[in-house]
Amino acid sequence: MDKILIFGPSVMDLVQHVKRLPREGEEIVPLSRNQRISGSGFCMADLFRFLNMPYHLYTSAGTGLYGEEVKDRLDRLGFSYSSKSSEVAGCMYTLMDEAGNTARFAVPGGEYDFVEEDHPESRYAILDGSYLYEADCDPLPDLFLQEHTAVLFCPHQAGVETDPVLWEAILRTGPIIHLCEEEAALLKEEDTQDLKSVAETIHLLTHQPVIILRTDGSGYYYEKGQEFIMPSAVDSLTDRTGMSEAHAAAFLLARNAGVDVRSAMRFASECAALAAKSAESVIAEADHETVRQFLIQAIMTESRGGHGNGSLS
């Protein structure tokens, strides 16, 4: 089984719980506060870590108080990671209402630096698009151009709102695209355009699968000759933070384990649902054994189309 390379930030997240999300100009009156580690790199790599699946995280934890706390957490949990940034780390502020809805804003530091270094050749990599927040970044890193590496690109808002010429250039390198529904909405060219139209437009340039995590926790999968919606597994929503990351990581983890596309999407939906009910940014430790059982079931199940079929097999 190949080692998955994961590129994305790990950041201190300062959470303020509020009765409802404030409107513009309103004062924030928190009911309580807590802090945790989040960031797409940390959230995606955590799934591989506790399942003991091969991976390596390339992240920019940074220096300073927040950076040292992040690295201490990565070390204590036994993450396989590299962090070479010498820039002082910023942090993330998350406002969370009683229904689990969030509003997030960053005090940026070195955590969005793209860790460009020598790394082993791998069949698969996950790249988070928030590196595009860094003004001096290489907008089209060599990772996109490596012939034998299939890249799952999670553009996030930084990616979908980047320069249209750059966005098209990224798509033409042929990555698998993973979006949440809110990001897909930003790509709509007209009010009536649906998710299928967005996915088709992307697919015309990438010739690779497009995956969209819908707001209700269901997953939409599109590639030429195959299109379906995997129903949501969400039955309890505590916090949406980490849902998209869990969905993306779970899909590629399952595919790397030889799971067919539909079963991989089912496993992704199950992991997203567990992330949604967690008060952390990742799946709670109490649910780790449940995830292991979901993965075993996915590996042993042959869905319609045959075990391991599809463009990532």
Protein backbone atom coordinates (compact mmCIF):
# COMPACT_ATOMS: atom_id res chain seq x y z
CA MET A 1 0.00 0.00 0.00
CA ASP A 2 1.41 3.41 -0.99
CA LYS A 3 2.26 6.15 1.48
CA ILE A 4 -0.07 9.13 1.02
CA LEU A 5 1.64 12.54 1.05
CA ILE A 6 -0.46 15.24 2.73
CA PHE A 7 0.28 18.94 2.28
CA GLY A 8 -1.68 21.38 4.44
CA PRO A 9 -1.61 23.64 7.50
CA SER A 10 -1.79 22.73 11.18
CA VAL A 11 -2.93 25.67 13.27
CA MET A 12 -4.06 26.67 16.74
CA ASP A 13 -7.83 27.19 16.71
CA LEU A 14 -9.36 29.47 19.36
CA VAL A 15 -13.05 28.61 19.65
CA GLN A 16 -15.71 30.91 21.07
CA HIS A 17 -19.15 29.41 21.64
CA VAL A 18 -22.02 31.83 21.08
CA LYS A 19 -25.80 31.56 21.20
CA ARG A 20 -26.00 32.59 17.56
CA LEU A 21 -23.52 33.86 15.01
CA PRO A 22 -23.34 37.67 15.21
CA ARG A 23 -24.46 39.90 12.39
CA GLU A 24 -22.10 42.48 10.95
CA GLY A 25 -21.26 45.12 13.56
CA GLU A 26 -22.67 43.15 16.50
CA GLU A 27 -20.58 42.54 19.57
CA ILE A 28 -19.38 38.99 20.15
CA VAL A 29 -20.52 37.71 23.55
CA PRO A 30 -19.03 34.21 24.06
CA LEU A 31 -20.77 31.70 26.30
CA SER A 32 -17.51 29.74 26.69
CA ARG A 33 -14.07 29.35 25.10
CA ASN A 34 -11.71 26.52 24.31
CA GLN A 35 -8.73 25.89 22.06
CA ARG A 36 -7.77 23.00 19.83
CA ILE A 37 -5.60 22.19 16.83
CA SER A 38 -7.20 22.35 13.40
CA GLY A 39 -6.09 23.11 9.84
CA SER A 40 -6.62 20.83 6.89
CA GLY A 41 -3.23 19.13 7.12
CA PHE A 42 -3.74 18.15 10.74
CA CYS A 43 -7.37 17.10 10.22
CA MET A 44 -6.67 14.93 7.17
CA ALA A 45 -3.53 13.32 8.55
CA ASP A 46 -5.22 12.43 11.84
CA LEU A 47 -7.46 9.87 10.10
CA PHE A 48 -4.42 8.09 8.65
CA ARG A 49 -2.61 8.32 11.99
CA PHE A 50 -5.15 6.55 14.16
CA LEU A 51 -5.93 3.96 11.48
CA ASN A 52 -2.19 3.21 11.15
CA MET A 53 -2.34 3.75 7.39
CA PRO A 54 0.84 4.92 5.58
CA TYR A 55 1.13 8.72 5.22
CA HIS A 56 3.42 11.66 5.82
CA LEU A 57 2.24 15.19 6.63
CA TYR A 58 4.09 18.19 5.20
CA THR A 59 2.93 21.15 7.23
CA SER A 60 4.11 24.56 8.44
CA ALA A 61 3.43 24.65 12.15
CA GLY A 62 5.65 27.71 12.49
CA THR A 63 7.37 29.11 15.56
CA GLY A 64 6.24 31.17 18.55
CA LEU A 65 3.72 30.22 21.23
CA TYR A 66 1.07 28.82 18.88
CA GLY A 67 3.56 27.06 16.62
CA GLU A 68 5.26 25.31 19.52
CA GLU A 69 1.91 24.16 20.91
CA VAL A 70 0.96 22.71 17.54
CA LYS A 71 4.26 20.84 17.18
CA ASP A 72 4.00 19.57 20.75
CA ARG A 73 0.56 18.12 19.96
CA LEU A 74 1.81 16.51 16.72
CA ASP A 75 4.72 14.96 18.63
CA ARG A 76 2.60 13.69 21.52
CA LEU A 77 0.14 12.02 19.15
CA GLY A 78 2.94 10.44 17.13
CA PHE A 79 2.26 12.11 13.78
CA SER A 80 4.58 11.35 10.88
CA TYR A 81 5.32 14.90 9.76
CA SER A 82 7.79 17.50 8.53
CA SER A 83 7.64 21.15 9.56
CA LYS A 84 10.43 23.46 8.41
CA SER A 85 8.81 26.89 8.63
CA SER A 86 10.75 29.44 10.68
CA GLU A 87 7.95 32.02 10.47
CA VAL A 88 5.91 32.87 13.56
CA ALA A 89 2.61 30.99 13.52
CA GLY A 90 -0.74 32.76 13.57
CA CYS A 91 -4.00 31.25 14.70
CA MET A 92 -7.58 30.61 13.70
CA TYR A 93 -10.64 32.07 15.46
CA THR A 94 -13.83 30.02 15.23
CA LEU A 95 -17.24 31.26 16.31
CA MET A 96 -19.66 28.39 16.89
CA ASP A 97 -23.39 28.70 17.55
CA GLU A 98 -25.62 26.27 19.40
CA ALA A 99 -26.59 24.50 16.15
CA GLY A 100 -22.97 23.76 15.22
CA ASN A 101 -22.73 26.45 12.54
CA THR A 102 -19.38 28.22 12.42
CA ALA A 103 -17.77 31.41 11.20
CA ARG A 104 -14.00 31.39 10.95
CA PHE A 105 -11.34 34.02 10.47
CA ALA A 106 -7.57 33.84 10.56
CA VAL A 107 -4.77 35.83 12.10
CA PRO A 108 -2.26 34.54 9.55
CA GLY A 109 1.35 33.64 10.19
CA GLY A 110 3.69 31.09 8.69
CA GLU A 111 1.19 28.23 8.75
CA TYR A 112 0.15 28.67 5.11
CA ASP A 113 3.67 28.27 3.74
CA PHE A 114 3.85 25.40 1.29
CA VAL A 115 6.48 22.93 2.49
CA GLU A 116 8.36 22.34 -0.76
CA GLU A 117 11.07 19.81 -0.06
CA ASP A 118 12.37 16.51 -1.34
CA HIS A 119 9.88 13.78 -0.68
CA PRO A 120 9.61 10.16 -1.74
CA GLU A 121 7.78 9.35 -4.94
CA SER A 122 4.23 8.36 -4.14
CA ARG A 123 1.20 7.26 -6.07
CA TYR A 124 -1.14 9.67 -4.24
CA ALA A 125 -0.94 13.09 -2.62
CA ILE A 126 -3.46 15.43 -1.01
CA LEU A 127 -2.87 19.16 -1.42
CA ASP A 128 -4.85 21.82 0.42
CA GLY A 129 -5.36 25.06 -1.51
CA SER A 130 -4.86 27.38 1.45
CA TYR A 131 -1.17 27.69 0.47
CA LEU A 132 -2.52 30.28 -1.99
CA TYR A 133 -3.12 32.64 0.95
CA GLU A 134 0.66 33.04 1.14
CA ALA A 135 1.61 36.03 -1.03
CA ASP A 136 5.03 34.66 -2.00
CA CYS A 137 3.92 31.09 -2.73
CA ASP A 138 4.65 29.19 -5.91
CA PRO A 139 1.10 29.19 -7.32
CA LEU A 140 1.66 25.99 -9.29
CA PRO A 141 3.98 23.77 -7.22
CA ASP A 142 5.83 20.89 -8.87
CA LEU A 143 3.60 18.43 -7.03
CA PHE A 144 0.90 19.10 -9.65
CA LEU A 145 3.31 18.21 -12.44
CA GLN A 146 4.75 14.94 -11.13
CA GLU A 147 3.92 12.30 -13.70
CA HIS A 148 3.37 9.36 -11.36
CA THR A 149 1.51 11.13 -8.53
CA ALA A 150 -2.27 11.51 -8.57
CA VAL A 151 -3.13 14.68 -6.63
CA LEU A 152 -6.37 15.10 -4.72
CA PHE A 153 -6.71 18.89 -4.61
CA CYS A 154 -8.91 20.49 -1.96
CA PRO A 155 -8.92 24.12 -3.13
CA HIS A 156 -10.96 25.60 -0.28
CA GLN A 157 -11.95 29.24 -0.65
CA ALA A 158 -8.38 30.34 -1.40
CA GLY A 159 -8.35 28.11 -4.46
CA VAL A 160 -11.78 28.74 -5.93
CA GLU A 161 -11.39 32.50 -5.55
CA THR A 162 -7.88 32.65 -6.97
CA ASP A 163 -7.08 34.19 -10.35
CA PRO A 164 -9.20 32.42 -13.01
CA VAL A 165 -6.17 31.86 -15.24
CA LEU A 166 -4.32 30.15 -12.38
CA TRP A 167 -7.42 28.11 -11.49
CA GLU A 168 -7.64 26.84 -15.07
CA ALA A 169 -3.90 26.08 -15.11
CA ILE A 170 -4.25 24.01 -11.94
CA LEU A 171 -7.20 22.10 -13.36
CA ARG A 172 -5.33 21.35 -16.58
CA THR A 173 -2.66 19.46 -14.61
CA GLY A 174 -5.35 16.83 -13.98
CA PRO A 175 -5.98 16.67 -10.22
CA ILE A 176 -8.94 14.96 -8.59
CA ILE A 177 -10.99 17.84 -7.13
CA HIS A 178 -12.70 17.75 -3.73
CA LEU A 179 -15.01 20.65 -2.84
CA CYS A 180 -17.60 21.41 -0.23
CA GLU A 181 -20.94 22.72 -1.50
CA GLU A 182 -20.19 26.29 -0.41
CA GLU A 183 -16.98 26.31 -2.46
CA ALA A 184 -18.76 24.82 -5.45
CA ALA A 185 -21.35 27.61 -5.20
CA LEU A 186 -18.58 30.17 -5.65
CA LEU A 187 -17.77 28.57 -9.01
CA LYS A 188 -21.30 28.87 -10.37
CA GLU A 189 -21.49 31.14 -13.35
CA GLU A 190 -25.22 31.77 -13.01
CA ASP A 191 -27.84 31.43 -10.28
CA THR A 192 -29.46 28.41 -11.91
CA GLN A 193 -26.29 26.39 -12.39
CA ASP A 194 -26.38 23.17 -10.36
CA LEU A 195 -23.66 21.00 -8.84
CA LYS A 196 -23.60 18.74 -11.89
CA SER A 197 -22.85 21.70 -14.15
CA VAL A 198 -20.01 22.82 -11.86
CA ALA A 199 -18.60 19.29 -11.80
CA GLU A 200 -18.89 18.89 -15.58
CA THR A 201 -17.08 22.19 -16.15
CA ILE A 202 -14.21 21.11 -13.89
CA HIS A 203 -14.10 17.59 -15.37
CA LEU A 204 -13.75 18.97 -18.92
CA LEU A 205 -10.36 20.35 -17.86
CA THR A 206 -9.14 17.72 -15.40
CA HIS A 207 -10.56 14.52 -16.96
CA GLN A 208 -10.56 13.28 -13.36
CA PRO A 209 -13.26 12.67 -10.72
CA VAL A 210 -14.93 15.62 -9.01
CA ILE A 211 -16.26 15.12 -5.47
CA ILE A 212 -18.54 17.59 -3.69
CA LEU A 213 -19.47 17.28 -0.01
CA ARG A 214 -22.96 18.72 0.26
CA THR A 215 -24.10 20.77 3.25
CA ASP A 216 -26.29 17.98 4.61
CA GLY A 217 -23.33 15.56 4.66
CA SER A 218 -24.17 13.66 1.49
CA GLY A 219 -21.49 13.26 -1.17
CA TYR A 220 -21.78 13.90 -4.89
CA TYR A 221 -19.40 12.00 -7.20
CA TYR A 222 -18.93 12.80 -10.88
CA GLU A 223 -16.70 11.45 -13.61
CA LYS A 224 -17.32 10.46 -17.19
CA GLY A 225 -19.62 7.44 -17.17
CA GLN A 226 -20.31 7.51 -13.45
CA GLU A 227 -22.36 9.94 -11.37
CA PHE A 228 -24.13 9.37 -8.06
CA ILE A 229 -25.03 10.84 -4.67
CA MET A 230 -24.02 8.97 -1.50
CA PRO A 231 -26.61 9.69 1.21
CA SER A 232 -25.63 11.57 4.34
CA ALA A 233 -24.78 9.61 7.50
CA VAL A 234 -25.11 12.69 9.75
CA ASP A 235 -27.46 12.11 12.67
CA SER A 236 -25.95 14.62 15.12
CA LEU A 237 -24.25 17.93 14.35
CA THR A 238 -21.95 19.49 16.94
CA ASP A 239 -19.47 21.33 14.72
CA ARG A 240 -18.92 21.38 10.95
CA THR A 241 -15.18 21.98 11.38
CA GLY A 242 -13.25 19.06 9.92
CA MET A 243 -16.14 17.51 8.00
CA SER A 244 -14.75 18.29 4.55
CA GLU A 245 -11.23 17.22 5.54
CA ALA A 246 -12.49 13.92 6.98
CA HIS A 247 -14.51 13.28 3.81
CA ALA A 248 -11.58 13.94 1.46
CA ALA A 249 -9.04 11.99 3.50
CA ALA A 250 -11.37 9.02 4.01
CA PHE A 251 -12.12 8.75 0.31
CA LEU A 252 -8.47 8.62 -0.73
CA LEU A 253 -7.50 6.39 2.20
CA ALA A 254 -10.13 3.86 1.16
CA ARG A 255 -9.19 4.01 -2.51
CA ASN A 256 -5.53 3.47 -1.60
CA ALA A 257 -6.67 0.37 0.30
CA GLY A 258 -8.30 -1.01 -2.87
CA VAL A 259 -11.89 -0.05 -2.08
CA ASP A 260 -14.24 0.61 -5.02
CA VAL A 261 -15.56 4.12 -5.65
CA ARG A 262 -19.03 3.70 -4.15
CA SER A 263 -17.79 2.02 -0.99
CA ALA A 264 -15.08 4.68 -0.67
CA MET A 265 -17.73 7.39 -0.91
CA ARG A 266 -19.82 5.60 1.72
CA PHE A 267 -16.80 5.39 4.03
CA ALA A 268 -16.13 9.10 3.40
CA SER A 269 -19.72 10.01 4.33
CA GLU A 270 -19.49 7.95 7.51
CA CYS A 271 -16.25 9.65 8.54
CA ALA A 272 -17.63 13.11 7.76
CA ALA A 273 -20.63 12.36 9.97
CA LEU A 274 -18.40 11.33 12.87
CA ALA A 275 -16.34 14.50 12.45
CA ALA A 276 -19.57 16.52 12.49
CA LYS A 277 -20.59 15.20 15.89
CA SER A 278 -17.15 15.76 17.44
CA ALA A 279 -16.36 18.84 19.54
CA GLU A 280 -12.82 18.63 18.20
CA SER A 281 -11.75 19.37 14.64
CA VAL A 282 -11.19 15.64 14.10
CA ILE A 283 -13.07 12.43 14.82
CA ALA A 284 -13.27 11.83 18.58
CA GLU A 285 -11.10 9.08 20.05
CA ALA A 286 -14.22 7.28 21.30
CA ASP A 287 -15.24 6.74 17.65
CA HIS A 288 -11.88 5.44 16.36
CA GLU A 289 -12.90 1.79 16.64
CA THR A 290 -16.14 2.57 14.78
CA VAL A 291 -14.09 4.03 11.93
CA ARG A 292 -11.90 0.91 11.85
CA GLN A 293 -15.01 -1.25 11.51
CA PHE A 294 -16.38 1.00 8.75
CA LEU A 295 -13.08 0.63 6.86
CA ILE A 296 -13.05 -3.15 7.25
CA GLN A 297 -16.61 -3.26 5.94
CA ALA A 298 -15.66 -1.06 2.96
CA ILE A 299 -12.69 -3.24 2.10
CA MET A 300 -14.79 -6.41 2.27
CA THR A 301 -17.75 -5.01 0.29
CA GLU A 302 -17.94 -5.05 -3.46
CA SER A 303 -20.35 -2.36 -4.61
CA ARG A 304 -21.95 -2.14 -8.01
CA GLY A 305 -19.23 -1.89 -10.64
CA GLY A 306 -16.80 -4.28 -8.99
CA HIS A 307 -14.18 -4.09 -6.29
CA GLY A 308 -11.56 -1.42 -6.92
CA ASN A 309 -12.98 -0.10 -10.17
CA GLY A 310 -12.65 3.49 -11.33
CA SER A 311 -9.93 5.93 -12.30
CA LEU A 312 -8.08 5.70 -8.98
CA SER A 313 -7.76 1.92 -8.95
